[in-house]
């Protein structure tokens, strides 16, 4: 019997996360890489954007907040 590598929730997260990333990038590249090893899926994201500080990195998987209010009117 077929056993999926990732759940539908995982796929939904990847799709929504990717969509959000694409909305925020006006110019540059976005790369998603997937690696399946030892029964775990690893997802890497890289882009050519302006980057974020170490403090901001700790907030990546927390509840959404608008980091730069000046960009609010763009979306």
N, C-alpha and C. Protein backbone atom coordinates (compact mmCIF):
# COMPACT_ATOMS: atom_id res chain seq x y z
N UNK A 1 0.83 -1.18 0.00
CA UNK A 1 0.00 0.00 0.00
C UNK A 1 0.89 1.25 0.00
N UNK A 2 0.43 2.27 -0.71
CA UNK A 2 1.17 3.53 -0.82
C UNK A 2 1.10 4.31 0.49
N UNK A 3 2.22 4.81 0.96
CA UNK A 3 2.28 5.64 2.15
C UNK A 3 2.87 7.00 1.76
N UNK A 4 2.11 8.10 1.94
CA UNK A 4 2.62 9.41 1.52
C UNK A 4 3.83 9.84 2.34
N UNK A 5 4.72 10.56 1.69
CA UNK A 5 5.92 11.07 2.36
C UNK A 5 5.56 12.23 3.28
N UNK A 6 4.66 13.08 2.84
CA UNK A 6 4.24 14.24 3.63
C UNK A 6 2.72 14.24 3.73
N UNK A 7 2.22 14.87 4.77
CA UNK A 7 0.78 14.95 4.95
C UNK A 7 0.20 16.08 4.10
N UNK A 8 -1.10 16.08 3.96
CA UNK A 8 -1.75 17.16 3.22
C UNK A 8 -1.57 18.50 3.94
N UNK A 9 -1.47 18.47 5.27
CA UNK A 9 -1.19 19.71 6.01
C UNK A 9 0.18 20.26 5.67
N UNK A 10 1.17 19.37 5.52
CA UNK A 10 2.51 19.80 5.13
C UNK A 10 2.50 20.44 3.75
N UNK A 11 1.81 19.83 2.83
CA UNK A 11 1.73 20.35 1.46
C UNK A 11 1.03 21.71 1.47
N UNK A 12 -0.05 21.82 2.23
CA UNK A 12 -0.79 23.08 2.32
C UNK A 12 0.11 24.18 2.88
N UNK A 13 0.89 23.85 3.91
CA UNK A 13 1.81 24.83 4.49
C UNK A 13 2.83 25.30 3.46
N UNK A 14 3.41 24.37 2.73
CA UNK A 14 4.42 24.72 1.72
C UNK A 14 3.82 25.60 0.64
N UNK A 15 2.62 25.29 0.19
CA UNK A 15 1.96 26.08 -0.85
C UNK A 15 1.66 27.50 -0.33
N UNK A 16 1.10 27.60 0.86
CA UNK A 16 0.76 28.92 1.41
C UNK A 16 2.01 29.74 1.71
N UNK A 17 3.03 29.10 2.25
CA UNK A 17 4.28 29.79 2.57
C UNK A 17 4.94 30.29 1.28
N UNK A 18 4.97 29.46 0.26
CA UNK A 18 5.56 29.85 -1.02
C UNK A 18 4.79 31.00 -1.65
N UNK A 19 3.48 30.93 -1.58
CA UNK A 19 2.64 31.99 -2.14
C UNK A 19 2.92 33.32 -1.44
N UNK A 20 3.03 33.29 -0.13
CA UNK A 20 3.33 34.50 0.63
C UNK A 20 4.69 35.06 0.25
N UNK A 21 5.67 34.19 0.12
CA UNK A 21 7.01 34.64 -0.27
C UNK A 21 6.98 35.32 -1.63
N UNK A 22 6.27 34.72 -2.57
CA UNK A 22 6.21 35.28 -3.92
C UNK A 22 5.52 36.64 -3.94
N UNK A 23 4.53 36.84 -3.07
CA UNK A 23 3.84 38.12 -3.01
C UNK A 23 4.77 39.23 -2.52
N UNK A 24 5.75 38.88 -1.73
CA UNK A 24 6.62 39.89 -1.11
C UNK A 24 7.89 40.17 -1.91
N UNK A 25 8.09 39.47 -2.99
CA UNK A 25 9.31 39.66 -3.77
C UNK A 25 8.95 40.39 -5.06
N UNK A 26 9.48 41.61 -5.22
CA UNK A 26 9.24 42.36 -6.45
C UNK A 26 10.28 42.03 -7.51
N UNK A 27 11.51 41.86 -7.09
CA UNK A 27 12.63 41.59 -7.99
C UNK A 27 13.52 40.55 -7.32
N UNK A 28 14.07 39.66 -8.11
CA UNK A 28 15.02 38.70 -7.55
C UNK A 28 14.57 37.28 -7.73
N UNK A 29 15.24 36.40 -7.00
CA UNK A 29 15.01 34.97 -7.13
C UNK A 29 14.50 34.38 -5.83
N UNK A 30 13.71 33.33 -5.96
CA UNK A 30 13.24 32.54 -4.83
C UNK A 30 13.50 31.08 -5.18
N UNK A 31 14.16 30.37 -4.27
CA UNK A 31 14.47 28.95 -4.53
C UNK A 31 13.99 28.11 -3.36
N UNK A 32 13.17 27.11 -3.67
CA UNK A 32 12.74 26.12 -2.70
C UNK A 32 13.43 24.81 -3.05
N UNK A 33 14.07 24.20 -2.07
CA UNK A 33 14.74 22.91 -2.28
C UNK A 33 14.14 21.89 -1.33
N UNK A 34 13.96 20.68 -1.81
CA UNK A 34 13.39 19.62 -1.01
C UNK A 34 14.35 18.44 -0.99
N UNK A 35 14.51 17.86 0.20
CA UNK A 35 15.35 16.68 0.35
C UNK A 35 14.64 15.72 1.30
N UNK A 36 14.52 14.49 0.89
CA UNK A 36 13.89 13.47 1.73
C UNK A 36 14.95 12.48 2.16
N UNK A 37 15.17 12.40 3.47
CA UNK A 37 16.21 11.54 4.00
C UNK A 37 15.79 11.03 5.37
N UNK A 38 16.07 9.77 5.65
CA UNK A 38 15.76 9.17 6.95
C UNK A 38 14.30 9.41 7.35
N UNK A 39 13.41 9.25 6.40
CA UNK A 39 11.97 9.40 6.59
C UNK A 39 11.57 10.80 7.08
N UNK A 40 12.34 11.81 6.68
CA UNK A 40 12.02 13.20 6.99
C UNK A 40 12.16 14.04 5.74
N UNK A 41 11.26 14.99 5.59
CA UNK A 41 11.33 15.93 4.48
C UNK A 41 11.96 17.22 4.97
N UNK A 42 13.02 17.65 4.29
CA UNK A 42 13.70 18.89 4.61
C UNK A 42 13.41 19.90 3.51
N UNK A 43 12.98 21.08 3.91
CA UNK A 43 12.67 22.15 2.97
C UNK A 43 13.61 23.31 3.24
N UNK A 44 14.30 23.76 2.21
CA UNK A 44 15.19 24.92 2.32
C UNK A 44 14.65 26.03 1.44
N UNK A 45 14.71 27.23 1.95
CA UNK A 45 14.23 28.40 1.21
C UNK A 45 15.37 29.41 1.14
N UNK A 46 15.62 29.90 -0.06
CA UNK A 46 16.61 30.98 -0.21
C UNK A 46 16.08 31.98 -1.22
N UNK A 47 16.49 33.22 -1.03
CA UNK A 47 16.08 34.26 -1.96
C UNK A 47 17.18 35.30 -2.06
N UNK A 48 17.01 36.20 -3.00
CA UNK A 48 18.01 37.26 -3.22
C UNK A 48 17.51 38.59 -2.67
N UNK A 49 16.61 38.52 -1.69
CA UNK A 49 16.03 39.73 -1.10
C UNK A 49 16.98 40.41 -0.14
N UNK A 50 16.44 41.40 0.58
CA UNK A 50 17.26 42.22 1.47
C UNK A 50 17.66 41.51 2.75
N UNK A 51 17.00 40.41 3.07
CA UNK A 51 17.35 39.64 4.26
C UNK A 51 16.68 40.17 5.51
N UNK A 52 16.90 39.45 6.61
CA UNK A 52 16.34 39.83 7.89
C UNK A 52 17.41 39.67 8.98
N UNK A 53 17.19 40.33 10.09
CA UNK A 53 18.13 40.25 11.20
C UNK A 53 17.98 38.91 11.93
N UNK A 54 18.97 38.58 12.76
CA UNK A 54 18.90 37.35 13.58
C UNK A 54 17.68 37.38 14.48
N UNK A 55 17.35 38.54 15.05
CA UNK A 55 16.17 38.65 15.91
C UNK A 55 14.88 38.35 15.14
N UNK A 56 14.80 38.82 13.91
CA UNK A 56 13.61 38.57 13.09
C UNK A 56 13.51 37.11 12.68
N UNK A 57 14.64 36.44 12.51
CA UNK A 57 14.63 35.03 12.12
C UNK A 57 13.90 34.17 13.15
N UNK A 58 14.01 34.52 14.42
CA UNK A 58 13.35 33.74 15.46
C UNK A 58 11.83 33.83 15.38
N UNK A 59 11.31 34.81 14.64
CA UNK A 59 9.87 35.01 14.52
C UNK A 59 9.28 34.34 13.29
N UNK A 60 10.09 33.68 12.48
CA UNK A 60 9.63 33.16 11.19
C UNK A 60 8.43 32.22 11.29
N UNK A 61 8.38 31.37 12.26
CA UNK A 61 7.29 30.41 12.35
C UNK A 61 6.30 30.76 13.47
N UNK A 62 6.31 32.02 13.90
CA UNK A 62 5.35 32.47 14.91
C UNK A 62 4.17 33.15 14.21
N UNK A 63 3.23 33.61 15.02
CA UNK A 63 2.04 34.27 14.49
C UNK A 63 2.45 35.48 13.64
N UNK A 64 1.69 35.74 12.56
CA UNK A 64 2.02 36.80 11.62
C UNK A 64 1.97 38.17 12.28
N UNK A 65 2.97 39.01 11.96
CA UNK A 65 2.96 40.44 12.28
C UNK A 65 3.53 41.17 11.07
N UNK A 66 3.08 42.40 10.86
CA UNK A 66 3.57 43.20 9.75
C UNK A 66 4.90 43.83 10.16
N UNK A 67 6.00 43.38 9.57
CA UNK A 67 7.33 43.86 9.95
C UNK A 67 7.57 45.30 9.53
N UNK A 68 7.14 45.65 8.35
CA UNK A 68 7.38 46.99 7.82
C UNK A 68 6.05 47.57 7.42
N UNK A 69 5.50 48.45 8.25
CA UNK A 69 4.17 48.99 8.01
C UNK A 69 4.08 49.82 6.72
N UNK A 70 5.22 50.29 6.22
CA UNK A 70 5.18 51.10 4.99
C UNK A 70 4.83 50.23 3.78
N UNK A 71 5.00 48.93 3.86
CA UNK A 71 4.67 48.03 2.75
C UNK A 71 3.22 47.59 2.78
N UNK A 72 2.50 47.96 3.82
CA UNK A 72 1.12 47.52 4.00
C UNK A 72 0.23 47.86 2.81
N UNK A 73 0.41 49.00 2.21
CA UNK A 73 -0.45 49.43 1.10
C UNK A 73 -0.10 48.74 -0.22
N UNK A 74 1.01 48.02 -0.28
CA UNK A 74 1.39 47.37 -1.54
C UNK A 74 0.61 46.10 -1.81
N UNK A 75 0.01 45.50 -0.77
CA UNK A 75 -0.63 44.19 -0.97
C UNK A 75 -2.10 44.26 -0.67
